[in-house]
Amino acid sequence: MDEIVTPLLHLLFQPFVFIPLVYPGLIVVFSILLFIIWLERKVAGKVQLRYGPLYVCKRFGGVLQLLADLLRYLFAEVIVPEEVDKLMFILAPILLFASTLLPIAAIPVSPNYAAISNELSLLISLALVTIPPIFVLTMSWGSGISGFTLPMLPTRSY
């Protein structure tokens, strides 16, 4: 089976195959994603009886509002309160996001291809699922408010 899959994967990622077949598909997927986000904003505007994203450019129906929001979020000021543990306050959300993606690495893609090639990959995946609540606890601890840690303690005890 491996002698069939490996040449096919090698062929698929050659530029003369990837560019005309896969690349247009990626463009279509991202275009559909952009349209879905735009449509969701328009529907939310109608439901809430407010104008949708027409503030940046009315001619294009508000599509440029998505780019304006992207720039706004990219250049937003990071506010870190003085009374918090700064290292935990900044790193815990990043580590939480990264730890939620870790179990995906243990799931095999095919019988012959897996990021973690082991017969215990399901067990490893289940073990990695238990890591994100630790970072939620770290975030609540790093904020300096001890009341946020109380709901997480029963989660860690079981």
C-alpha atoms as a PDB file:
ATOM      1  CA  MET A   1       0.000   0.000   0.000  1.00  0.00           C
ATOM      2  CA  ASP A   2       2.862   2.349   0.835  1.00  0.00           C
ATOM      3  CA  GLU A   3       4.409   1.898  -2.602  1.00  0.00           C
ATOM      4  CA  ILE A   4       1.154   3.210  -4.099  1.00  0.00           C
ATOM      5  CA  VAL A   5       0.470   6.113  -1.729  1.00  0.00           C
ATOM      6  CA  THR A   6       3.973   7.608  -1.633  1.00  0.00           C
ATOM      7  CA  PRO A   7       4.323   8.173  -5.409  1.00  0.00           C
ATOM      8  CA  LEU A   8       0.791   9.584  -5.541  1.00  0.00           C
ATOM      9  CA  LEU A   9       1.527  12.064  -2.756  1.00  0.00           C
ATOM     10  CA  HIS A  10       4.806  12.966  -4.424  1.00  0.00           C
ATOM     11  CA  LEU A  11       2.999  13.534  -7.717  1.00  0.00           C
ATOM     12  CA  LEU A  12       0.227  15.581  -6.080  1.00  0.00           C
ATOM     13  CA  PHE A  13       2.664  18.099  -4.632  1.00  0.00           C
ATOM     14  CA  GLN A  14       4.592  18.635  -7.851  1.00  0.00           C
ATOM     15  CA  PRO A  15       4.100  22.220  -9.090  1.00  0.00           C
ATOM     16  CA  PHE A  16       2.674  21.165 -12.464  1.00  0.00           C
ATOM     17  CA  VAL A  17      -0.114  19.258 -10.640  1.00  0.00           C
ATOM     18  CA  PHE A  18      -0.522  21.379  -7.511  1.00  0.00           C
ATOM     19  CA  ILE A  19      -0.860  24.763  -9.203  1.00  0.00           C
ATOM     20  CA  PRO A  20      -3.664  23.939 -11.686  1.00  0.00           C
ATOM     21  CA  LEU A  21      -5.578  21.438  -9.486  1.00  0.00           C
ATOM     22  CA  VAL A  22      -5.159  22.250  -5.793  1.00  0.00           C
ATOM     23  CA  TYR A  23      -4.378  25.974  -5.820  1.00  0.00           C
ATOM     24  CA  PRO A  24      -7.678  27.027  -7.488  1.00  0.00           C
ATOM     25  CA  GLY A  25      -9.516  24.922  -4.932  1.00  0.00           C
ATOM     26  CA  LEU A  26      -7.823  26.816  -2.128  1.00  0.00           C
ATOM     27  CA  ILE A  27      -8.771  30.113  -3.744  1.00  0.00           C
ATOM     28  CA  VAL A  28     -12.396  28.968  -4.017  1.00  0.00           C
ATOM     29  CA  VAL A  29     -12.461  27.793  -0.396  1.00  0.00           C
ATOM     30  CA  PHE A  30     -11.083  31.095   0.886  1.00  0.00           C
ATOM     31  CA  SER A  31     -13.475  33.059  -1.335  1.00  0.00           C
ATOM     32  CA  ILE A  32     -16.426  31.072   0.011  1.00  0.00           C
ATOM     33  CA  LEU A  33     -15.144  31.632   3.543  1.00  0.00           C
ATOM     34  CA  LEU A  34     -14.957  35.380   2.920  1.00  0.00           C
ATOM     35  CA  PHE A  35     -18.509  35.332   1.528  1.00  0.00           C
ATOM     36  CA  ILE A  36     -19.843  33.349   4.510  1.00  0.00           C
ATOM     37  CA  ILE A  37     -18.306  35.811   6.981  1.00  0.00           C
ATOM     38  CA  TRP A  38     -19.738  38.724   5.025  1.00  0.00           C
ATOM     39  CA  LEU A  39     -23.178  37.079   4.865  1.00  0.00           C
ATOM     40  CA  GLU A  40     -23.126  36.336   8.592  1.00  0.00           C
ATOM     41  CA  ARG A  41     -22.395  39.986   9.326  1.00  0.00           C
ATOM     42  CA  LYS A  42     -25.199  41.115   7.020  1.00  0.00           C
ATOM     43  CA  VAL A  43     -27.724  38.712   8.582  1.00  0.00           C
ATOM     44  CA  ALA A  44     -26.652  39.716  12.092  1.00  0.00           C
ATOM     45  CA  GLY A  45     -27.147  43.349  11.106  1.00  0.00           C
ATOM     46  CA  LYS A  46     -30.677  42.644   9.847  1.00  0.00           C
ATOM     47  CA  VAL A  47     -31.616  40.589  12.913  1.00  0.00           C
ATOM     48  CA  GLN A  48     -30.343  43.286  15.275  1.00  0.00           C
ATOM     49  CA  LEU A  49     -32.065  46.014  13.227  1.00  0.00           C
ATOM     50  CA  ARG A  50     -28.844  47.841  12.446  1.00  0.00           C
ATOM     51  CA  TYR A  51     -26.864  48.533   9.343  1.00  0.00           C
ATOM     52  CA  GLY A  52     -24.472  45.860   8.208  1.00  0.00           C
ATOM     53  CA  PRO A  53     -20.861  46.401   7.204  1.00  0.00           C
ATOM     54  CA  LEU A  54     -21.343  49.255   4.742  1.00  0.00           C
ATOM     55  CA  TYR A  55     -19.149  51.812   6.445  1.00  0.00           C
ATOM     56  CA  VAL A  56     -15.893  51.318   4.590  1.00  0.00           C
ATOM     57  CA  CYS A  57     -17.096  51.096   0.994  1.00  0.00           C
ATOM     58  CA  LYS A  58     -20.742  51.064  -0.079  1.00  0.00           C
ATOM     59  CA  ARG A  59     -19.859  50.279  -3.677  1.00  0.00           C
ATOM     60  CA  PHE A  60     -18.544  46.800  -2.814  1.00  0.00           C
ATOM     61  CA  GLY A  61     -21.308  46.034  -0.337  1.00  0.00           C
ATOM     62  CA  GLY A  62     -19.114  46.235   2.726  1.00  0.00           C
ATOM     63  CA  VAL A  63     -16.546  43.591   1.815  1.00  0.00           C
ATOM     64  CA  LEU A  64     -13.737  45.967   2.719  1.00  0.00           C
ATOM     65  CA  GLN A  65     -15.125  46.117   6.267  1.00  0.00           C
ATOM     66  CA  LEU A  66     -13.646  42.647   6.782  1.00  0.00           C
ATOM     67  CA  LEU A  67     -10.196  43.943   5.881  1.00  0.00           C
ATOM     68  CA  ALA A  68     -10.682  46.954   8.142  1.00  0.00           C
ATOM     69  CA  ASP A  69     -11.617  44.639  11.016  1.00  0.00           C
ATOM     70  CA  LEU A  70      -8.541  42.521  10.316  1.00  0.00           C
ATOM     71  CA  LEU A  71      -6.294  45.577  10.499  1.00  0.00           C
ATOM     72  CA  ARG A  72      -8.049  46.752  13.655  1.00  0.00           C
ATOM     73  CA  TYR A  73      -7.458  43.417  15.387  1.00  0.00           C
ATOM     74  CA  LEU A  74      -3.849  43.176  14.190  1.00  0.00           C
ATOM     75  CA  PHE A  75      -2.939  46.594  15.577  1.00  0.00           C
ATOM     76  CA  ALA A  76      -5.046  46.452  18.736  1.00  0.00           C
ATOM     77  CA  GLU A  77      -3.314  47.456  21.934  1.00  0.00           C
ATOM     78  CA  VAL A  78      -2.508  44.627  24.311  1.00  0.00           C
ATOM     79  CA  ILE A  79      -3.641  45.700  27.770  1.00  0.00           C
ATOM     80  CA  VAL A  80      -1.961  43.902  30.661  1.00  0.00           C
ATOM     81  CA  PRO A  81      -3.130  44.973  34.132  1.00  0.00           C
ATOM     82  CA  GLU A  82      -0.424  45.801  36.662  1.00  0.00           C
ATOM     83  CA  GLU A  83      -1.551  43.359  39.369  1.00  0.00           C
ATOM     84  CA  VAL A  84      -1.373  40.200  37.244  1.00  0.00           C
ATOM     85  CA  ASP A  85       1.444  37.760  36.650  1.00  0.00           C
ATOM     86  CA  LYS A  86       2.481  39.108  33.263  1.00  0.00           C
ATOM     87  CA  LEU A  87       4.179  35.973  31.963  1.00  0.00           C
ATOM     88  CA  MET A  88       1.211  33.711  32.716  1.00  0.00           C
ATOM     89  CA  PHE A  89      -1.278  36.356  31.576  1.00  0.00           C
ATOM     90  CA  ILE A  90       0.323  36.594  28.128  1.00  0.00           C
ATOM     91  CA  LEU A  91       1.552  33.031  27.529  1.00  0.00           C
ATOM     92  CA  ALA A  92      -1.382  31.002  28.892  1.00  0.00           C
ATOM     93  CA  PRO A  93      -3.845  31.827  26.031  1.00  0.00           C
ATOM     94  CA  ILE A  94      -1.174  31.029  23.446  1.00  0.00           C
ATOM     95  CA  LEU A  95      -0.332  27.736  25.133  1.00  0.00           C
ATOM     96  CA  LEU A  96      -4.039  26.927  25.493  1.00  0.00           C
ATOM     97  CA  PHE A  97      -4.572  27.367  21.753  1.00  0.00           C
ATOM     98  CA  ALA A  98      -1.491  25.279  20.943  1.00  0.00           C
ATOM     99  CA  SER A  99      -2.491  22.535  23.376  1.00  0.00           C
ATOM    100  CA  THR A 100      -5.932  22.206  21.814  1.00  0.00           C
ATOM    101  CA  LEU A 101      -4.251  21.371  18.496  1.00  0.00           C
ATOM    102  CA  LEU A 102      -1.902  18.746  19.969  1.00  0.00           C
ATOM    103  CA  PRO A 103      -4.382  15.804  19.976  1.00  0.00           C
ATOM    104  CA  ILE A 104      -4.805  16.192  16.218  1.00  0.00           C
ATOM    105  CA  ALA A 105      -1.141  15.200  15.766  1.00  0.00           C
ATOM    106  CA  ALA A 106      -1.815  11.799  17.325  1.00  0.00           C
ATOM    107  CA  ILE A 107      -4.704  10.925  15.009  1.00  0.00           C
ATOM    108  CA  PRO A 108      -3.462   8.920  11.997  1.00  0.00           C
ATOM    109  CA  VAL A 109      -4.325  10.268   8.567  1.00  0.00           C
ATOM    110  CA  SER A 110      -4.128   6.876   6.871  1.00  0.00           C
ATOM    111  CA  PRO A 111      -2.929   3.386   7.785  1.00  0.00           C
ATOM    112  CA  ASN A 112       0.583   4.276   6.661  1.00  0.00           C
ATOM    113  CA  TYR A 113       0.861   7.968   7.503  1.00  0.00           C
ATOM    114  CA  ALA A 114       0.625   9.560  10.950  1.00  0.00           C
ATOM    115  CA  ALA A 115       2.427  12.396  12.678  1.00  0.00           C
ATOM    116  CA  ILE A 116       2.938  10.188  15.725  1.00  0.00           C
ATOM    117  CA  SER A 117       3.410   6.693  14.333  1.00  0.00           C
ATOM    118  CA  ASN A 118       2.568   4.475  17.280  1.00  0.00           C
ATOM    119  CA  GLU A 119       0.018   1.803  18.112  1.00  0.00           C
ATOM    120  CA  LEU A 120      -0.906   3.864  21.182  1.00  0.00           C
ATOM    121  CA  SER A 121      -1.859   6.979  19.193  1.00  0.00           C
ATOM    122  CA  LEU A 122      -5.463   6.912  20.398  1.00  0.00           C
ATOM    123  CA  LEU A 123      -4.293   6.716  23.995  1.00  0.00           C
ATOM    124  CA  ILE A 124      -1.822   9.535  23.361  1.00  0.00           C
ATOM    125  CA  SER A 125      -4.608  11.620  21.823  1.00  0.00           C
ATOM    126  CA  LEU A 126      -6.843  11.040  24.840  1.00  0.00           C
ATOM    127  CA  ALA A 127      -3.990  11.976  27.168  1.00  0.00           C
ATOM    128  CA  LEU A 128      -3.334  15.183  25.230  1.00  0.00           C
ATOM    129  CA  VAL A 129      -7.000  16.174  25.566  1.00  0.00           C
ATOM    130  CA  THR A 130      -6.459  16.539  29.314  1.00  0.00           C
ATOM    131  CA  ILE A 131      -3.831  19.280  28.900  1.00  0.00           C
ATOM    132  CA  PRO A 132      -5.983  22.345  27.919  1.00  0.00           C
ATOM    133  CA  PRO A 133      -7.805  22.607  31.282  1.00  0.00           C
ATOM    134  CA  ILE A 134      -4.398  23.069  32.909  1.00  0.00           C
ATOM    135  CA  PHE A 135      -3.873  26.205  30.835  1.00  0.00           C
ATOM    136  CA  VAL A 136      -7.383  27.443  31.658  1.00  0.00           C
ATOM    137  CA  LEU A 137      -6.414  27.082  35.314  1.00  0.00           C
ATOM    138  CA  THR A 138      -3.136  28.885  34.559  1.00  0.00           C
ATOM    139  CA  MET A 139      -5.022  31.740  32.886  1.00  0.00           C
ATOM    140  CA  SER A 140      -7.338  32.141  35.841  1.00  0.00           C
ATOM    141  CA  TRP A 141      -4.420  31.982  38.261  1.00  0.00           C
ATOM    142  CA  GLY A 142      -2.402  34.472  36.217  1.00  0.00           C
ATOM    143  CA  SER A 143      -5.243  36.995  36.250  1.00  0.00           C
ATOM    144  CA  GLY A 144      -4.752  37.429  39.985  1.00  0.00           C
ATOM    145  CA  ILE A 145      -8.374  36.718  40.879  1.00  0.00           C
ATOM    146  CA  SER A 146      -8.556  33.533  42.909  1.00  0.00           C
ATOM    147  CA  GLY A 147     -12.311  33.114  42.391  1.00  0.00           C
ATOM    148  CA  PHE A 148     -11.742  32.012  38.810  1.00  0.00           C
ATOM    149  CA  THR A 149      -9.682  29.029  39.915  1.00  0.00           C
ATOM    150  CA  LEU A 150     -12.467  27.482  41.997  1.00  0.00           C
ATOM    151  CA  PRO A 151     -14.568  26.108  39.090  1.00  0.00           C
ATOM    152  CA  MET A 152     -11.454  24.522  37.563  1.00  0.00           C
ATOM    153  CA  LEU A 153     -10.316  22.628  40.653  1.00  0.00           C
ATOM    154  CA  PRO A 154     -12.995  19.886  40.391  1.00  0.00           C
ATOM    155  CA  THR A 155     -12.078  19.467  36.724  1.00  0.00           C
ATOM    156  CA  ARG A 156      -8.446  18.741  37.627  1.00  0.00           C
ATOM    157  CA  SER A 157      -9.342  16.429  40.506  1.00  0.00           C
ATOM    158  CA  TYR A 158     -11.118  13.928  38.262  1.00  0.00           C
END
